[in-house]
Amino acid sequence: MNIENLKTFITLSELKNFTQTADRYYIVQSTVTNRIMELEKGLGKKLFVRNRKNVELTDEGLHFLSYAKRIVALEASAIEELSMLHTFSETLRIGTVNTVYDCYLCDHVMDYIQAHSDISVKVIIDHSGPLLRMLQDGTVDLVFSYIPLKKTGFECHPYHSDEVLLVTSPQHREYVDGIRQEQLPDLNYLYCDFMIQDNGTFIRDMFPKNHSFSFEIDKLTHLPPYLRRGIGYSFLPRSLVQSYLDDGSLISIPLIDFSAPVIQNYIVVPEGKADNNAICLFLDALKAERNPV
C-alpha cells in the first residue's frame, strides 16, 4: 500500500478539498485524484462522496481512516528509529494523556533526559484511546492512560489516583458553605470534557441534558488562570490545583448532596517490554518517586 496515497487520503479527509490538499503537497489536483482512485481500487471500496460543495468520507472511508493514520505513524516511527541507531544507544517513546503529563510526568521526563543523554526520548500527548492503539501497534513503548488495557500481552498497573474538586476564586463567596447538585447549572461553569476512570464522561452528566456552558476549552491545565482571575467555577483534579489552594488564590467548594469520583490513571506496558533498559530506567524512577527511601 503506497504510503503517499495514505498521507494524501488523510489530508483530504481533514481538508475536504482537493485543491487545498494538492497545495499542501505542492502537486497538481489530478495527482490527488489519481492517488485516491488508486487507493480505492486497491481496497475495493469508495472512500469519499464528492459533490459540488465539498468532499465527505463514506462509512468505509471513516472506518479506514484510523488504520491509515496508524500505518503512516508506524512507518514514521520505523524511519525515526533507524536514523537514531548510530546517534543514540536506545529510544524511549512515551504516550500520555495531557493532564497526567502536566501533573506528574513533566519533571520526571526532564530528569530522565538529563540523566540519560544517550537515550532518545519522544513524548506523544493524546487521548487514551488513540494512545492505547499506538501501544498495540508498537509506535510507543508505554502509555499513561485513563483507560485500563485489559488485553493479553500487556501489563496494566494503577499509577496515580486523584480527587476531583470544585474550585473557584476566593472572591466568590456564595457557595463557600457548600453547593447542591441542583445548583450547578446556576454557576458560571468553565467546562473541559475529561475522562473519569473508564466509565465515560463525568462532568457533563452532572448538568441537565443539553446544558450550555459559558466557556469550554479542550485542555484541562489551561483552566486555573481563568479561575484565579475570578472567572467562574470548574471541577479539576486536586493535583492540578493544590498549589493554588495552598497559596489562597483558589478555594474548594464543599459538595452537599453529591460527591465527585476519584480519577484513576494507569501505566500500560507490553509484556516483556519492562525488561527494556530505557523503559526499565524510567519505570524505576517513577517507583522511587512513589516509594521514597
C-alpha atoms as a PDB file:
ATOM      1  CA  MET A   1       0.000   0.000   0.000  1.00  0.00           C
ATOM      2  CA  ASN A   2       1.564   3.292  -1.149  1.00  0.00           C
ATOM      3  CA  ILE A   3       2.361   5.499   1.829  1.00  0.00           C
ATOM      4  CA  GLU A   4       1.961   8.722  -0.197  1.00  0.00           C
ATOM      5  CA  ASN A   5      -1.545   7.635  -1.152  1.00  0.00           C
ATOM      6  CA  LEU A   6      -2.345   7.109   2.517  1.00  0.00           C
ATOM      7  CA  LYS A   7      -0.953  10.515   3.505  1.00  0.00           C
ATOM      8  CA  THR A   8      -2.966  12.172   0.752  1.00  0.00           C
ATOM      9  CA  PHE A   9      -6.097  10.331   1.884  1.00  0.00           C
ATOM     10  CA  ILE A  10      -5.590  11.509   5.485  1.00  0.00           C
ATOM     11  CA  THR A  11      -5.046  15.128   4.420  1.00  0.00           C
ATOM     12  CA  LEU A  12      -8.071  15.109   2.113  1.00  0.00           C
ATOM     13  CA  SER A  13     -10.207  13.705   4.940  1.00  0.00           C
ATOM     14  CA  GLU A  14      -9.153  16.701   7.069  1.00  0.00           C
ATOM     15  CA  LEU A  15      -9.329  19.487   4.467  1.00  0.00           C
ATOM     16  CA  LYS A  16     -12.288  18.068   2.474  1.00  0.00           C
ATOM     17  CA  ASN A  17     -10.978  19.891  -0.580  1.00  0.00           C
ATOM     18  CA  PHE A  18      -8.938  18.504  -3.498  1.00  0.00           C
ATOM     19  CA  THR A  19      -7.344  21.835  -4.390  1.00  0.00           C
ATOM     20  CA  GLN A  20      -6.207  22.583  -0.841  1.00  0.00           C
ATOM     21  CA  THR A  21      -4.865  19.043  -0.490  1.00  0.00           C
ATOM     22  CA  ALA A  22      -2.876  19.448  -3.721  1.00  0.00           C
ATOM     23  CA  ASP A  23      -1.479  22.767  -2.462  1.00  0.00           C
ATOM     24  CA  ARG A  24      -0.425  21.121   0.809  1.00  0.00           C
ATOM     25  CA  TYR A  25       1.797  18.669  -1.091  1.00  0.00           C
ATOM     26  CA  TYR A  26       2.810  21.036  -3.924  1.00  0.00           C
ATOM     27  CA  ILE A  27       1.249  18.777  -6.523  1.00  0.00           C
ATOM     28  CA  VAL A  28      -1.485  19.227  -9.108  1.00  0.00           C
ATOM     29  CA  GLN A  29      -5.085  18.353  -8.287  1.00  0.00           C
ATOM     30  CA  SER A  30      -5.139  15.472 -10.767  1.00  0.00           C
ATOM     31  CA  THR A  31      -2.375  13.759  -8.773  1.00  0.00           C
ATOM     32  CA  VAL A  32      -4.559  13.891  -5.646  1.00  0.00           C
ATOM     33  CA  THR A  33      -7.435  12.408  -7.637  1.00  0.00           C
ATOM     34  CA  ASN A  34      -5.233   9.632  -9.019  1.00  0.00           C
ATOM     35  CA  ARG A  35      -3.848   8.770  -5.571  1.00  0.00           C
ATOM     36  CA  ILE A  36      -7.330   8.454  -4.095  1.00  0.00           C
ATOM     37  CA  MET A  37      -8.578   6.412  -7.050  1.00  0.00           C
ATOM     38  CA  GLU A  38      -5.571   4.077  -6.747  1.00  0.00           C
ATOM     39  CA  LEU A  39      -6.225   3.630  -3.039  1.00  0.00           C
ATOM     40  CA  GLU A  40      -9.937   2.985  -3.599  1.00  0.00           C
ATOM     41  CA  LYS A  41      -9.126   0.461  -6.318  1.00  0.00           C
ATOM     42  CA  GLY A  42      -6.738  -1.411  -4.042  1.00  0.00           C
ATOM     43  CA  LEU A  43      -9.268  -1.511  -1.209  1.00  0.00           C
ATOM     44  CA  GLY A  44     -12.254  -2.192  -3.417  1.00  0.00           C
ATOM     45  CA  LYS A  45     -14.217   0.448  -1.528  1.00  0.00           C
ATOM     46  CA  LYS A  46     -15.351   4.015  -2.159  1.00  0.00           C
ATOM     47  CA  LEU A  47     -13.650   6.277   0.400  1.00  0.00           C
ATOM     48  CA  PHE A  48     -15.217   9.661  -0.440  1.00  0.00           C
ATOM     49  CA  VAL A  49     -18.523  11.060  -1.595  1.00  0.00           C
ATOM     50  CA  ARG A  50     -17.948  14.015  -3.890  1.00  0.00           C
ATOM     51  CA  ASN A  51     -20.429  16.793  -4.653  1.00  0.00           C
ATOM     52  CA  ARG A  52     -20.252  20.383  -5.853  1.00  0.00           C
ATOM     53  CA  LYS A  53     -19.734  21.893  -2.406  1.00  0.00           C
ATOM     54  CA  ASN A  54     -17.450  19.526  -0.534  1.00  0.00           C
ATOM     55  CA  VAL A  55     -15.941  16.098  -0.069  1.00  0.00           C
ATOM     56  CA  GLU A  56     -17.081  13.755   2.701  1.00  0.00           C
ATOM     57  CA  LEU A  57     -15.826  10.390   3.893  1.00  0.00           C
ATOM     58  CA  THR A  58     -18.029   7.380   3.254  1.00  0.00           C
ATOM     59  CA  ASP A  59     -18.687   4.997   6.145  1.00  0.00           C
ATOM     60  CA  GLU A  60     -15.917   2.799   4.736  1.00  0.00           C
ATOM     61  CA  GLY A  61     -13.601   5.798   4.464  1.00  0.00           C
ATOM     62  CA  LEU A  62     -14.265   6.805   8.042  1.00  0.00           C
ATOM     63  CA  HIS A  63     -13.553   3.264   9.225  1.00  0.00           C
ATOM     64  CA  PHE A  64     -10.340   3.090   7.186  1.00  0.00           C
ATOM     65  CA  LEU A  65      -9.072   6.483   8.401  1.00  0.00           C
ATOM     66  CA  SER A  66      -7.838   5.267  11.792  1.00  0.00           C
ATOM     67  CA  TYR A  67      -5.967   2.398  10.116  1.00  0.00           C
ATOM     68  CA  ALA A  68      -4.372   4.756   7.588  1.00  0.00           C
ATOM     69  CA  LYS A  69      -3.135   7.019  10.377  1.00  0.00           C
ATOM     70  CA  ARG A  70      -1.690   4.053  12.237  1.00  0.00           C
ATOM     71  CA  ILE A  71       0.131   2.758   9.136  1.00  0.00           C
ATOM     72  CA  VAL A  72       1.643   6.193   8.462  1.00  0.00           C
ATOM     73  CA  ALA A  73       2.654   6.574  12.112  1.00  0.00           C
ATOM     74  CA  LEU A  74       4.270   3.122  12.126  1.00  0.00           C
ATOM     75  CA  GLU A  75       6.312   3.937   9.020  1.00  0.00           C
ATOM     76  CA  ALA A  76       7.440   7.250  10.503  1.00  0.00           C
ATOM     77  CA  SER A  77       8.411   5.510  13.731  1.00  0.00           C
ATOM     78  CA  ALA A  78      10.481   2.902  11.882  1.00  0.00           C
ATOM     79  CA  ILE A  79      12.328   5.550   9.881  1.00  0.00           C
ATOM     80  CA  GLU A  80      12.961   7.580  13.030  1.00  0.00           C
ATOM     81  CA  GLU A  81      14.366   4.581  14.911  1.00  0.00           C
ATOM     82  CA  LEU A  82      16.653   3.636  12.025  1.00  0.00           C
ATOM     83  CA  SER A  83      18.006   7.189  11.808  1.00  0.00           C
ATOM     84  CA  MET A  84      18.835   7.136  15.523  1.00  0.00           C
ATOM     85  CA  LEU A  85      20.719   3.841  15.524  1.00  0.00           C
ATOM     86  CA  HIS A  86      24.127   5.490  15.278  1.00  0.00           C
ATOM     87  CA  THR A  87      23.243   8.562  17.362  1.00  0.00           C
ATOM     88  CA  PHE A  88      21.612   7.162  20.498  1.00  0.00           C
ATOM     89  CA  SER A  89      22.044   3.838  22.254  1.00  0.00           C
ATOM     90  CA  GLU A  90      18.280   3.454  22.809  1.00  0.00           C
ATOM     91  CA  THR A  91      14.946   5.194  22.303  1.00  0.00           C
ATOM     92  CA  LEU A  92      12.036   5.686  24.688  1.00  0.00           C
ATOM     93  CA  ARG A  93       8.625   6.612  23.291  1.00  0.00           C
ATOM     94  CA  ILE A  94       6.136   7.697  25.952  1.00  0.00           C
ATOM     95  CA  GLY A  95       2.441   8.162  25.229  1.00  0.00           C
ATOM     96  CA  THR A  96       0.454  10.098  27.806  1.00  0.00           C
ATOM     97  CA  VAL A  97      -2.791  11.937  28.303  1.00  0.00           C
ATOM     98  CA  ASN A  98      -2.238  15.650  28.785  1.00  0.00           C
ATOM     99  CA  THR A  99      -3.250  16.015  32.438  1.00  0.00           C
ATOM    100  CA  VAL A 100      -1.066  13.130  33.602  1.00  0.00           C
ATOM    101  CA  TYR A 101       1.886  14.659  31.781  1.00  0.00           C
ATOM    102  CA  ASP A 102       1.382  18.132  33.250  1.00  0.00           C
ATOM    103  CA  CYS A 103       0.603  16.943  36.781  1.00  0.00           C
ATOM    104  CA  TYR A 104       3.023  14.054  37.222  1.00  0.00           C
ATOM    105  CA  LEU A 105       5.366  13.282  34.343  1.00  0.00           C
ATOM    106  CA  CYS A 106       6.921  16.526  33.136  1.00  0.00           C
ATOM    107  CA  ASP A 107       9.581  16.728  35.857  1.00  0.00           C
ATOM    108  CA  HIS A 108      10.355  13.006  35.547  1.00  0.00           C
ATOM    109  CA  VAL A 109      10.907  13.323  31.797  1.00  0.00           C
ATOM    110  CA  MET A 110      13.242  16.296  32.285  1.00  0.00           C
ATOM    111  CA  ASP A 111      15.197  14.419  34.970  1.00  0.00           C
ATOM    112  CA  TYR A 112      15.384  11.380  32.700  1.00  0.00           C
ATOM    113  CA  ILE A 113      16.813  13.152  29.651  1.00  0.00           C
ATOM    114  CA  GLN A 114      19.384  14.897  31.829  1.00  0.00           C
ATOM    115  CA  ALA A 115      20.453  11.639  33.462  1.00  0.00           C
ATOM    116  CA  HIS A 116      20.457   9.564  30.244  1.00  0.00           C
ATOM    117  CA  SER A 117      21.762  11.720  27.403  1.00  0.00           C
ATOM    118  CA  ASP A 118      22.476   8.582  25.344  1.00  0.00           C
ATOM    119  CA  ILE A 119      18.751   7.731  25.183  1.00  0.00           C
ATOM    120  CA  SER A 120      16.436   9.478  22.728  1.00  0.00           C
ATOM    121  CA  VAL A 121      13.083  10.382  24.292  1.00  0.00           C
ATOM    122  CA  LYS A 122       9.855  11.125  22.447  1.00  0.00           C
ATOM    123  CA  VAL A 123       6.640  12.158  24.236  1.00  0.00           C
ATOM    124  CA  ILE A 124       3.298  11.875  22.437  1.00  0.00           C
ATOM    125  CA  ILE A 125       0.335  13.599  24.107  1.00  0.00           C
ATOM    126  CA  ASP A 126      -3.115  12.435  23.031  1.00  0.00           C
ATOM    127  CA  HIS A 127      -6.337  10.924  24.352  1.00  0.00           C
ATOM    128  CA  SER A 128      -6.389   7.482  25.985  1.00  0.00           C
ATOM    129  CA  GLY A 129      -7.977   5.611  23.066  1.00  0.00           C
ATOM    130  CA  PRO A 130      -5.504   6.656  20.337  1.00  0.00           C
ATOM    131  CA  LEU A 131      -2.557   6.152  22.699  1.00  0.00           C
ATOM    132  CA  LEU A 132      -3.587   2.598  23.523  1.00  0.00           C
ATOM    133  CA  ARG A 133      -3.963   1.846  19.803  1.00  0.00           C
ATOM    134  CA  MET A 134      -0.459   3.225  19.229  1.00  0.00           C
ATOM    135  CA  LEU A 135       0.867   0.979  22.006  1.00  0.00           C
ATOM    136  CA  GLN A 136      -0.707  -2.066  20.386  1.00  0.00           C
ATOM    137  CA  ASP A 137       0.755  -1.022  17.026  1.00  0.00           C
ATOM    138  CA  GLY A 138       4.216  -0.685  18.562  1.00  0.00           C
ATOM    139  CA  THR A 139       4.640   3.036  17.842  1.00  0.00           C
ATOM    140  CA  VAL A 140       5.020   3.872  21.562  1.00  0.00           C
ATOM    141  CA  ASP A 141       6.730   1.889  24.321  1.00  0.00           C
ATOM    142  CA  LEU A 142       4.493   2.685  27.279  1.00  0.00           C
ATOM    143  CA  VAL A 143       1.314   4.649  27.872  1.00  0.00           C
ATOM    144  CA  PHE A 144      -0.181   6.649  30.732  1.00  0.00           C
ATOM    145  CA  SER A 145      -3.923   6.357  30.227  1.00  0.00           C
ATOM    146  CA  TYR A 146      -7.230   6.979  31.987  1.00  0.00           C
ATOM    147  CA  ILE A 147      -8.486   3.733  30.452  1.00  0.00           C
ATOM    148  CA  PRO A 148      -7.009   0.399  31.581  1.00  0.00           C
ATOM    149  CA  LEU A 149      -5.984  -2.006  28.834  1.00  0.00           C
ATOM    150  CA  LYS A 150      -7.259  -5.467  29.714  1.00  0.00           C
ATOM    151  CA  LYS A 151      -5.680  -7.491  26.957  1.00  0.00           C
ATOM    152  CA  THR A 152      -3.339 -10.460  26.778  1.00  0.00           C
ATOM    153  CA  GLY A 153       0.218  -9.384  26.116  1.00  0.00           C
ATOM    154  CA  PHE A 154       0.065  -6.166  28.119  1.00  0.00           C
ATOM    155  CA  GLU A 155       0.728  -5.243  31.733  1.00  0.00           C
ATOM    156  CA  CYS A 156      -1.579  -2.585  33.210  1.00  0.00           C
ATOM    157  CA  HIS A 157      -0.977  -1.093  36.649  1.00  0.00           C
ATOM    158  CA  PRO A 158      -2.572   1.806  38.541  1.00  0.00           C
ATOM    159  CA  TYR A 159      -0.350   4.891  38.539  1.00  0.00           C
ATOM    160  CA  HIS A 160      -1.989   7.806  40.377  1.00  0.00           C
ATOM    161  CA  SER A 161      -5.378   8.381  41.986  1.00  0.00           C
ATOM    162  CA  ASP A 162      -6.655  11.915  42.130  1.00  0.00           C
ATOM    163  CA  GLU A 163      -9.577  13.603  43.874  1.00  0.00           C
ATOM    164  CA  VAL A 164     -11.798  15.937  41.840  1.00  0.00           C
ATOM    165  CA  LEU A 165     -12.611  19.309  43.454  1.00  0.00           C
ATOM    166  CA  LEU A 166     -14.990  22.121  42.569  1.00  0.00           C
ATOM    167  CA  VAL A 167     -12.788  25.226  42.709  1.00  0.00           C
ATOM    168  CA  THR A 168     -13.146  28.964  42.195  1.00  0.00           C
ATOM    169  CA  SER A 169     -11.609  32.274  43.190  1.00  0.00           C
ATOM    170  CA  PRO A 170     -11.977  33.292  46.871  1.00  0.00           C
ATOM    171  CA  GLN A 171     -13.839  36.383  45.697  1.00  0.00           C
ATOM    172  CA  HIS A 172     -16.851  34.146  45.003  1.00  0.00           C
ATOM    173  CA  ARG A 173     -18.494  33.636  48.412  1.00  0.00           C
ATOM    174  CA  GLU A 174     -21.991  32.420  47.519  1.00  0.00           C
ATOM    175  CA  TYR A 175     -21.250  28.712  47.912  1.00  0.00           C
ATOM    176  CA  VAL A 176     -18.370  28.681  50.399  1.00  0.00           C
ATOM    177  CA  ASP A 177     -20.514  26.634  52.806  1.00  0.00           C
ATOM    178  CA  GLY A 178     -21.407  24.100  50.135  1.00  0.00           C
ATOM    179  CA  ILE A 179     -23.382  23.542  46.937  1.00  0.00           C
ATOM    180  CA  ARG A 180     -26.150  21.136  45.947  1.00  0.00           C
ATOM    181  CA  GLN A 181     -26.146  19.391  42.591  1.00  0.00           C
ATOM    182  CA  GLU A 182     -29.351  21.164  41.523  1.00  0.00           C
ATOM    183  CA  GLN A 183     -27.478  24.477  41.889  1.00  0.00           C
ATOM    184  CA  LEU A 184     -24.681  23.575  39.458  1.00  0.00           C
ATOM    185  CA  PRO A 185     -26.479  24.960  36.363  1.00  0.00           C
ATOM    186  CA  ASP A 186     -26.577  28.379  38.065  1.00  0.00           C
ATOM    187  CA  LEU A 187     -22.784  28.555  38.091  1.00  0.00           C
ATOM    188  CA  ASN A 188     -20.660  30.334  35.530  1.00  0.00           C
ATOM    189  CA  TYR A 189     -19.049  26.981  34.821  1.00  0.00           C
ATOM    190  CA  LEU A 190     -15.846  26.672  32.787  1.00  0.00           C
ATOM    191  CA  TYR A 191     -16.113  23.328  31.036  1.00  0.00           C
ATOM    192  CA  CYS A 192     -13.492  20.833  29.940  1.00  0.00           C
ATOM    193  CA  ASP A 193     -14.508  17.318  28.961  1.00  0.00           C
ATOM    194  CA  PHE A 194     -12.079  14.863  30.523  1.00  0.00           C
ATOM    195  CA  MET A 195     -12.206  11.153  31.190  1.00  0.00           C
ATOM    196  CA  ILE A 196     -13.034   9.911  34.665  1.00  0.00           C
ATOM    197  CA  GLN A 197     -11.749   6.346  35.049  1.00  0.00           C
ATOM    198  CA  ASP A 198     -13.055   4.137  32.235  1.00  0.00           C
ATOM    199  CA  ASN A 199     -16.783   4.759  32.506  1.00  0.00           C
ATOM    200  CA  GLY A 200     -17.200   7.752  30.220  1.00  0.00           C
ATOM    201  CA  THR A 201     -17.751  11.412  30.829  1.00  0.00           C
ATOM    202  CA  PHE A 202     -18.497  12.557  34.361  1.00  0.00           C
ATOM    203  CA  ILE A 203     -18.710  16.354  34.398  1.00  0.00           C
ATOM    204  CA  ARG A 204     -21.384  16.839  31.740  1.00  0.00           C
ATOM    205  CA  ASP A 205     -23.520  14.124  33.319  1.00  0.00           C
ATOM    206  CA  MET A 206     -23.951  16.251  36.452  1.00  0.00           C
ATOM    207  CA  PHE A 207     -25.638  19.015  34.448  1.00  0.00           C
ATOM    208  CA  PRO A 208     -29.042  18.924  32.745  1.00  0.00           C
ATOM    209  CA  LYS A 209     -29.153  17.388  29.295  1.00  0.00           C
ATOM    210  CA  ASN A 210     -28.121  19.856  26.548  1.00  0.00           C
ATOM    211  CA  HIS A 211     -26.909  22.362  29.156  1.00  0.00           C
ATOM    212  CA  SER A 212     -24.892  25.178  27.532  1.00  0.00           C
ATOM    213  CA  PHE A 213     -21.660  26.233  29.210  1.00  0.00           C
ATOM    214  CA  SER A 214     -20.429  29.813  29.138  1.00  0.00           C
ATOM    215  CA  PHE A 215     -16.892  28.711  28.316  1.00  0.00           C
ATOM    216  CA  GLU A 216     -15.341  25.491  27.003  1.00  0.00           C
ATOM    217  CA  ILE A 217     -11.712  24.520  26.449  1.00  0.00           C
ATOM    218  CA  ASP A 218     -10.142  21.207  25.455  1.00  0.00           C
ATOM    219  CA  LYS A 219      -7.066  21.381  27.700  1.00  0.00           C
ATOM    220  CA  LEU A 220      -7.670  20.990  31.422  1.00  0.00           C
ATOM    221  CA  THR A 221      -4.422  22.608  32.503  1.00  0.00           C
ATOM    222  CA  HIS A 222      -5.391  25.906  30.863  1.00  0.00           C
ATOM    223  CA  LEU A 223      -8.288  26.493  33.265  1.00  0.00           C
ATOM    224  CA  PRO A 224      -6.563  27.621  36.514  1.00  0.00           C
ATOM    225  CA  PRO A 225      -5.526  31.070  35.160  1.00  0.00           C
ATOM    226  CA  TYR A 226      -9.183  31.836  34.328  1.00  0.00           C
ATOM    227  CA  LEU A 227     -10.342  30.732  37.769  1.00  0.00           C
ATOM    228  CA  ARG A 228      -7.617  32.664  39.588  1.00  0.00           C
ATOM    229  CA  ARG A 229      -8.663  35.763  37.695  1.00  0.00           C
ATOM    230  CA  GLY A 230     -12.144  35.406  39.154  1.00  0.00           C
ATOM    231  CA  ILE A 231     -13.861  33.854  36.146  1.00  0.00           C
ATOM    232  CA  GLY A 232     -16.273  31.095  37.124  1.00  0.00           C
ATOM    233  CA  TYR A 233     -16.050  27.640  38.680  1.00  0.00           C
ATOM    234  CA  SER A 234     -14.692  24.297  37.493  1.00  0.00           C
ATOM    235  CA  PHE A 235     -14.137  20.710  38.629  1.00  0.00           C
ATOM    236  CA  LEU A 236     -10.404  19.987  38.475  1.00  0.00           C
ATOM    237  CA  PRO A 237      -8.014  17.310  39.802  1.00  0.00           C
ATOM    238  CA  ARG A 238      -6.531  18.135  43.192  1.00  0.00           C
ATOM    239  CA  SER A 239      -3.002  17.602  41.879  1.00  0.00           C
ATOM    240  CA  LEU A 240      -3.564  20.388  39.361  1.00  0.00           C
ATOM    241  CA  VAL A 241      -4.873  22.975  41.851  1.00  0.00           C
ATOM    242  CA  GLN A 242      -3.250  22.071  45.179  1.00  0.00           C
ATOM    243  CA  SER A 243      -0.588  24.793  44.937  1.00  0.00           C
ATOM    244  CA  TYR A 244      -3.305  27.407  44.308  1.00  0.00           C
ATOM    245  CA  LEU A 245      -5.341  26.130  47.248  1.00  0.00           C
ATOM    246  CA  ASP A 246      -2.211  26.386  49.407  1.00  0.00           C
ATOM    247  CA  ASP A 247      -1.479  29.989  48.423  1.00  0.00           C
ATOM    248  CA  GLY A 248      -5.155  31.006  48.697  1.00  0.00           C
ATOM    249  CA  SER A 249      -5.621  32.024  45.071  1.00  0.00           C
ATOM    250  CA  LEU A 250      -8.297  29.324  44.701  1.00  0.00           C
ATOM    251  CA  ILE A 251     -10.749  27.760  47.145  1.00  0.00           C
ATOM    252  CA  SER A 252     -12.580  24.422  47.123  1.00  0.00           C
ATOM    253  CA  ILE A 253     -16.387  24.389  47.336  1.00  0.00           C
ATOM    254  CA  PRO A 254     -17.891  21.605  49.528  1.00  0.00           C
ATOM    255  CA  LEU A 255     -20.381  19.277  47.808  1.00  0.00           C
ATOM    256  CA  ILE A 256     -23.525  18.822  49.930  1.00  0.00           C
ATOM    257  CA  ASP A 257     -25.726  16.132  48.406  1.00  0.00           C
ATOM    258  CA  PHE A 258     -23.421  14.529  45.837  1.00  0.00           C
ATOM    259  CA  SER A 259     -19.788  13.557  45.502  1.00  0.00           C
ATOM    260  CA  ALA A 260     -17.095  13.657  42.854  1.00  0.00           C
ATOM    261  CA  PRO A 261     -15.320  10.430  41.904  1.00  0.00           C
ATOM    262  CA  VAL A 262     -11.663   9.632  42.160  1.00  0.00           C
ATOM    263  CA  ILE A 263      -9.734   9.844  38.903  1.00  0.00           C
ATOM    264  CA  GLN A 264      -7.598   6.761  38.318  1.00  0.00           C
ATOM    265  CA  ASN A 265      -4.897   6.603  35.680  1.00  0.00           C
ATOM    266  CA  TYR A 266      -2.771   3.679  34.589  1.00  0.00           C
ATOM    267  CA  ILE A 267       0.644   2.698  33.257  1.00  0.00           C
ATOM    268  CA  VAL A 268       0.358   0.241  30.363  1.00  0.00           C
ATOM    269  CA  VAL A 269       3.398  -1.629  29.013  1.00  0.00           C
ATOM    270  CA  PRO A 270       3.638  -4.594  26.631  1.00  0.00           C
ATOM    271  CA  GLU A 271       4.649  -7.791  28.423  1.00  0.00           C
ATOM    272  CA  GLY A 272       8.426  -8.231  28.242  1.00  0.00           C
ATOM    273  CA  LYS A 273       8.990  -4.554  27.414  1.00  0.00           C
ATOM    274  CA  ALA A 274       9.616  -3.754  31.072  1.00  0.00           C
ATOM    275  CA  ASP A 275      12.951  -5.575  30.609  1.00  0.00           C
ATOM    276  CA  ASN A 276      13.949  -2.991  28.001  1.00  0.00           C
ATOM    277  CA  ASN A 277      16.689  -0.869  29.596  1.00  0.00           C
ATOM    278  CA  ALA A 278      15.282   2.532  28.578  1.00  0.00           C
ATOM    279  CA  ILE A 279      11.790   1.633  29.806  1.00  0.00           C
ATOM    280  CA  CYS A 280      13.096  -0.019  32.964  1.00  0.00           C
ATOM    281  CA  LEU A 281      15.122   3.061  33.932  1.00  0.00           C
ATOM    282  CA  PHE A 282      12.071   5.282  33.524  1.00  0.00           C
ATOM    283  CA  LEU A 283       9.749   2.977  35.481  1.00  0.00           C
ATOM    284  CA  ASP A 284      12.325   2.646  38.254  1.00  0.00           C
ATOM    285  CA  ALA A 285      12.426   6.437  38.584  1.00  0.00           C
ATOM    286  CA  LEU A 286       8.640   6.517  38.924  1.00  0.00           C
ATOM    287  CA  LYS A 287       8.723   3.791  41.583  1.00  0.00           C
ATOM    288  CA  ALA A 288      11.372   5.724  43.526  1.00  0.00           C
ATOM    289  CA  GLU A 289       9.144   8.815  43.476  1.00  0.00           C
ATOM    290  CA  ARG A 290       6.168   6.874  44.825  1.00  0.00           C
ATOM    291  CA  ASN A 291       8.215   4.925  47.383  1.00  0.00           C
ATOM    292  CA  PRO A 292      10.896   7.341  48.641  1.00  0.00           C
ATOM    293  CA  VAL A 293      13.531   5.972  50.984  1.00  0.00           C
END
